[in-house]
């Protein structure tokens, strides 16, 4: 009886996690787009030709998965407010990206031929696996970049983490490395990165600025009443 009561209490305490049902919409949609056969618009710019290939960047590229999961899980367990804002930001951007992929199919021809690279190591083998399951289509804007910047903003905007400067600075460095990894691995064009950053700017002003303005006005009113 006590165990049943505890489970019920946990379900009530963490009921905000129901919004994660979004992934039952996102994942089928994403994988459908990934494996459809269709002509796509080529994404490329001059900067892509100047960026060298470096397989070592597979490390921050794969760390992305843990970075996103750990950040969202932390907010889920500690702050409903931060969790809702982070999810609203990420899910909106991911949905917009999928809509763009759907109406504007895109891809690139930037990937290197690993078999003719002239070297083989653990990084090239990991990258070969990545190339195998992740196609070079539906790249603009880069969800990898968008989500990285999104959780970075959530970390900097969290009142719980505002005094943990070492954590914020570490997240900033990791985010920069992840963004760089997308172009150094030839997973994305520089245009994909810029597109994601533009989307980040737009959603920042929609999701975070209004609450920040309200908080500032509230603080000023409190000071004026002293």
Protein backbone atom coordinates (compact mmCIF):
# COMPACT_ATOMS: atom_id res chain seq x y z
CA UNK A 1 0.00 0.00 0.00
CA UNK A 2 2.83 2.35 0.95
CA UNK A 3 4.68 1.50 -2.27
CA UNK A 4 1.57 2.21 -4.35
CA UNK A 5 1.17 5.53 -2.58
CA UNK A 6 4.80 6.46 -3.31
CA UNK A 7 4.39 5.69 -7.01
CA UNK A 8 1.25 7.82 -7.13
CA UNK A 9 3.08 10.70 -5.44
CA UNK A 10 5.92 10.46 -7.96
CA UNK A 11 3.47 10.49 -10.86
CA UNK A 12 1.83 13.62 -9.48
CA UNK A 13 5.16 15.28 -8.73
CA UNK A 14 6.56 14.67 -12.20
CA UNK A 15 3.39 14.87 -14.28
CA UNK A 16 4.94 17.75 -16.22
CA UNK A 17 6.93 15.12 -18.04
CA UNK A 18 3.84 14.35 -20.13
CA UNK A 19 4.99 16.94 -22.68
CA UNK A 20 7.80 14.54 -23.63
CA UNK A 21 5.11 12.69 -25.58
CA UNK A 22 6.18 15.15 -28.28
CA UNK A 23 8.87 12.66 -29.30
CA UNK A 24 6.16 10.25 -30.49
CA UNK A 25 5.43 12.92 -33.10
CA UNK A 26 8.95 14.12 -33.76
CA UNK A 27 10.77 10.80 -34.24
CA UNK A 28 8.42 9.20 -36.83
CA UNK A 29 8.30 12.49 -38.74
CA UNK A 30 12.10 12.87 -38.66
CA UNK A 31 12.88 9.31 -39.76
CA UNK A 32 10.26 9.48 -42.50
CA UNK A 33 11.96 12.57 -43.92
CA UNK A 34 15.39 10.98 -43.54
CA UNK A 35 14.52 7.95 -45.65
CA UNK A 36 12.20 9.38 -48.26
CA UNK A 37 13.39 9.44 -51.85
CA UNK A 38 13.01 12.93 -53.27
CA UNK A 39 14.98 15.59 -55.08
CA UNK A 40 16.47 18.10 -52.70
CA UNK A 41 17.96 21.59 -52.84
CA UNK A 42 21.74 21.60 -52.51
CA UNK A 43 23.08 23.54 -49.52
CA UNK A 44 26.56 24.93 -50.06
CA UNK A 45 28.58 28.12 -49.68
CA UNK A 46 32.15 29.25 -50.28
CA UNK A 47 33.02 28.96 -46.60
CA UNK A 48 32.44 25.20 -46.76
CA UNK A 49 35.44 24.87 -49.09
CA UNK A 50 37.70 26.64 -46.60
CA UNK A 51 36.77 24.50 -43.58
CA UNK A 52 39.12 21.49 -43.26
CA UNK A 53 37.96 18.00 -42.38
CA UNK A 54 38.91 16.72 -38.93
CA UNK A 55 37.53 13.44 -37.65
CA UNK A 56 38.48 14.19 -34.01
CA UNK A 57 35.41 16.40 -33.81
CA UNK A 58 33.32 13.22 -33.67
CA UNK A 59 33.88 13.43 -29.88
CA UNK A 60 31.91 16.65 -29.23
CA UNK A 61 29.45 15.65 -31.95
CA UNK A 62 28.48 12.50 -30.04
CA UNK A 63 28.65 14.26 -26.64
CA UNK A 64 25.70 16.30 -27.95
CA UNK A 65 23.31 13.44 -27.18
CA UNK A 66 24.33 13.33 -23.50
CA UNK A 67 24.46 17.14 -23.31
CA UNK A 68 20.84 17.53 -24.41
CA UNK A 69 19.54 14.59 -22.36
CA UNK A 70 21.31 15.53 -19.11
CA UNK A 71 20.24 19.18 -19.33
CA UNK A 72 16.57 18.40 -20.00
CA UNK A 73 16.59 15.66 -17.33
CA UNK A 74 18.11 18.06 -14.78
CA UNK A 75 15.40 20.65 -15.35
CA UNK A 76 12.74 17.92 -15.30
CA UNK A 77 13.88 16.86 -11.83
CA UNK A 78 14.59 20.29 -10.34
CA UNK A 79 12.50 23.05 -11.91
CA UNK A 80 9.16 22.90 -13.71
CA UNK A 81 9.61 26.48 -14.92
CA UNK A 82 13.00 25.84 -16.49
CA UNK A 83 11.82 22.50 -17.86
CA UNK A 84 8.76 23.97 -19.55
CA UNK A 85 10.72 26.85 -21.05
CA UNK A 86 13.54 24.63 -22.26
CA UNK A 87 11.12 22.14 -23.83
CA UNK A 88 8.98 24.89 -25.36
CA UNK A 89 12.10 26.36 -26.93
CA UNK A 90 13.56 23.08 -28.20
CA UNK A 91 10.32 21.51 -29.38
CA UNK A 92 9.22 24.64 -31.24
CA UNK A 93 12.55 24.91 -33.03
CA UNK A 94 12.63 21.21 -33.86
CA UNK A 95 9.12 21.39 -35.27
CA UNK A 96 9.95 24.43 -37.38
CA UNK A 97 13.02 22.58 -38.68
CA UNK A 98 10.92 19.56 -39.65
CA UNK A 99 8.44 21.81 -41.43
CA UNK A 100 11.32 23.38 -43.39
CA UNK A 101 12.66 19.91 -44.28
CA UNK A 102 9.19 18.90 -45.43
CA UNK A 103 8.42 21.88 -47.70
CA UNK A 104 12.05 22.62 -48.64
CA UNK A 105 13.92 19.28 -48.91
CA UNK A 106 17.64 19.98 -48.68
CA UNK A 107 20.98 18.25 -48.45
CA UNK A 108 24.69 18.56 -49.25
CA UNK A 109 27.57 16.80 -51.01
CA UNK A 110 30.26 17.74 -48.51
CA UNK A 111 31.05 14.35 -46.97
CA UNK A 112 34.55 13.01 -47.46
CA UNK A 113 35.26 9.56 -48.85
CA UNK A 114 36.64 7.87 -45.75
CA UNK A 115 37.95 4.90 -47.77
CA UNK A 116 40.32 7.26 -49.65
CA UNK A 117 41.23 9.35 -46.63
CA UNK A 118 44.61 7.65 -46.23
CA UNK A 119 44.22 6.98 -42.53
CA UNK A 120 42.09 4.85 -40.27
CA UNK A 121 41.55 5.32 -36.55
CA UNK A 122 38.84 5.08 -33.92
CA UNK A 123 37.50 8.50 -34.94
CA UNK A 124 37.15 7.65 -38.63
CA UNK A 125 35.47 4.36 -37.71
CA UNK A 126 32.98 6.17 -35.48
CA UNK A 127 32.36 8.70 -38.24
CA UNK A 128 31.84 5.91 -40.75
CA UNK A 129 29.11 4.55 -38.51
CA UNK A 130 27.56 8.00 -38.26
CA UNK A 131 27.61 8.43 -42.04
CA UNK A 132 25.96 5.02 -42.28
CA UNK A 133 22.83 5.76 -40.24
CA UNK A 134 22.53 9.53 -40.70
CA UNK A 135 21.93 10.75 -44.24
CA UNK A 136 23.25 13.98 -45.71
CA UNK A 137 19.73 15.29 -46.24
CA UNK A 138 17.45 17.52 -44.14
CA UNK A 139 20.32 19.58 -42.85
CA UNK A 140 19.14 23.20 -43.02
CA UNK A 141 18.77 24.41 -40.33
CA UNK A 142 20.95 22.15 -38.19
CA UNK A 143 19.00 20.68 -35.28
CA UNK A 144 22.35 19.69 -33.75
CA UNK A 145 23.35 23.34 -33.57
CA UNK A 146 19.90 24.64 -32.66
CA UNK A 147 19.47 22.29 -29.68
CA UNK A 148 23.01 22.92 -28.43
CA UNK A 149 22.47 26.67 -28.33
CA UNK A 150 18.97 26.12 -26.93
CA UNK A 151 20.11 24.21 -23.86
CA UNK A 152 22.98 26.67 -23.40
CA UNK A 153 20.46 29.51 -23.20
CA UNK A 154 18.35 27.47 -20.76
CA UNK A 155 21.41 26.93 -18.56
CA UNK A 156 22.26 30.64 -18.53
CA UNK A 157 18.64 31.62 -17.85
CA UNK A 158 18.14 29.14 -15.00
CA UNK A 159 17.98 30.84 -11.61
CA UNK A 160 19.25 27.63 -10.01
CA UNK A 161 22.40 27.66 -12.12
CA UNK A 162 23.04 31.41 -12.23
CA UNK A 163 25.80 31.24 -9.60
CA UNK A 164 27.49 28.18 -11.12
CA UNK A 165 29.68 30.15 -13.50
CA UNK A 166 32.04 27.22 -14.06
CA UNK A 167 29.11 25.16 -15.33
CA UNK A 168 27.85 27.94 -17.60
CA UNK A 169 31.32 28.55 -19.06
CA UNK A 170 31.85 24.81 -19.57
CA UNK A 171 28.50 24.57 -21.35
CA UNK A 172 29.49 27.51 -23.56
CA UNK A 173 32.75 25.84 -24.58
CA UNK A 174 31.00 22.53 -25.23
CA UNK A 175 28.32 24.26 -27.32
CA UNK A 176 30.96 25.98 -29.45
CA UNK A 177 32.78 22.67 -29.99
CA UNK A 178 29.54 20.91 -30.96
CA UNK A 179 28.68 23.64 -33.47
CA UNK A 180 32.17 23.44 -34.94
CA UNK A 181 31.97 19.64 -35.11
CA UNK A 182 29.04 19.79 -37.52
CA UNK A 183 31.16 21.54 -40.18
CA UNK A 184 34.55 19.93 -39.44
CA UNK A 185 32.99 16.49 -39.85
CA UNK A 186 31.30 17.64 -43.08
CA UNK A 187 27.95 16.77 -41.56
CA UNK A 188 26.63 20.25 -42.28
CA UNK A 189 27.25 23.28 -44.40
CA UNK A 190 28.12 26.55 -42.70
CA UNK A 191 24.73 27.72 -43.97
CA UNK A 192 23.05 25.10 -41.78
CA UNK A 193 24.82 26.54 -38.75
CA UNK A 194 23.85 30.12 -39.61
CA UNK A 195 20.26 29.04 -40.24
CA UNK A 196 20.10 27.39 -36.82
CA UNK A 197 21.54 30.49 -35.12
CA UNK A 198 18.93 32.71 -36.78
CA UNK A 199 16.22 30.35 -35.53
CA UNK A 200 17.79 30.52 -32.06
CA UNK A 201 17.64 34.31 -32.06
CA UNK A 202 14.00 34.37 -33.11
CA UNK A 203 12.88 31.84 -30.50
CA UNK A 204 14.96 33.47 -27.78
CA UNK A 205 12.94 36.65 -28.14
CA UNK A 206 9.70 34.66 -28.18
CA UNK A 207 10.34 32.26 -25.29
CA UNK A 208 12.76 33.98 -22.92
CA UNK A 209 12.63 37.75 -23.42
CA UNK A 210 8.96 38.25 -22.39
CA UNK A 211 9.48 36.56 -19.01
CA UNK A 212 12.76 38.45 -18.51
CA UNK A 213 10.98 41.76 -19.18
CA UNK A 214 8.23 40.86 -16.70
CA UNK A 215 10.81 39.90 -14.08
CA UNK A 216 12.69 43.18 -14.57
CA UNK A 217 9.50 45.24 -14.26
CA UNK A 218 8.52 43.31 -11.13
CA UNK A 219 11.94 43.96 -9.58
CA UNK A 220 11.72 47.67 -10.35
CA UNK A 221 8.26 47.86 -8.76
CA UNK A 222 9.55 46.17 -5.61
CA UNK A 223 12.46 48.61 -5.41
CA UNK A 224 10.14 51.58 -5.89
CA UNK A 225 7.98 50.36 -3.01
CA UNK A 226 10.90 50.26 -0.58
